[in-house]
Structures are given as structure tokens and as C-alpha cells.
Amino acid sequence: MKRGTQWPVAVGAILGLTVAANVWIITIANSDPSFAVEEDYYQRGLRWDEELAQRERNVRMGWRLLPSLSPIVRGTGADLRVELRDHEIRPIPNASIVVRAVHIARAGQPVEVTLHADDRGGYQALVPLERPGLWELRFDVHRGNERFTSLERLDTRLAQP
């Protein structure tokens, strides 16, 4: 090697190692399933007034949503059962309920299902949950031109074999 050329080679090697280390760190950060950013958070921020108005409508409607989640069966999921009641505690029939389930520790992997009316006056669905722990359930209920939303957190465990 010519005298004086080792410095440019050393600087180039250091820059190359820095770029390689940054690519490695970015790859690890983006592959972490526990890291999540709220979907469309900018649009959600722009619609914040609408969300506050919906919360006020929820209070005026007086509806109550009472969810329960069974233990998780591996490979199947968990049964989600919901009782939807009006302000006089009567069941509310003919509603369309969609729930978005987000595991608190793995928020980057949400699950969305539609609940169906059952023969006991409630609504239910098999939700393909795989992880025990705390789940955030975001409910969106429609009946005619009425809309009700609710956010609930439920803890579940694995079913015993």
C-alpha cells in the first residue's frame, strides 16, 4: 500500500461499519412485534373533535356493553361474548358489532372480527387470539342510524388442557 493511503481506507472502513451497524439496528427495530404505531394516527388526530362528539353521544344513549372473554384454546382462539344493554338494562337486538382486538404487548398485530347475535340475547364470535394477557377491545356498534363505541380491556389466559 502506498504511503499515506491508509487514512482514506480507514475512514472508508469506519463509515462502512457505521452504515452497516445502522442498517442492522433499523432491521431489528422494525422487526420487533411489540413496537406499534397507531394506524392513521395523523388522520385520527384531525378527527379528534368527531371522537369527542361520539363519546358524548355514547353517554347520552346510555348503552352499556358488557364483554367477557373465555380462556384461549391454542390453534382456535377465544370466545368473545358481549351483552349490549340500553339505559333501562334491556337487551338491544339487531345490532352490528365489529371489534378490533389489540394485545397490549403485541399491538402491531391487531385482530378484527364481526360478532353475531346468539340465542341468549347477546352477541358472540370466536376471536383468533393466540397470546394470553391483557387485550384492548375497540367496539364499533351500529343499529340503524345509531352508532355506539366502547373501549374495554380484558385479561385472558390459556385454557387448561
Foldseek 3Di string as FASTA:
>chain_A
DDPPVVVVVVVVVVVVVVVVVVVVVVVVVVPDQQDDDPPPVVVCVVCVVVVVVQVVVQVVFQKDKDWDWAAAEAPFAIKIKIFIATNVRDGDPDKKKKKWKAANRRRNDIWIDIWDADPVRITMDGTHDHDFFKIWIWMWMDDPPDIHIDIDIDGHHHDDD
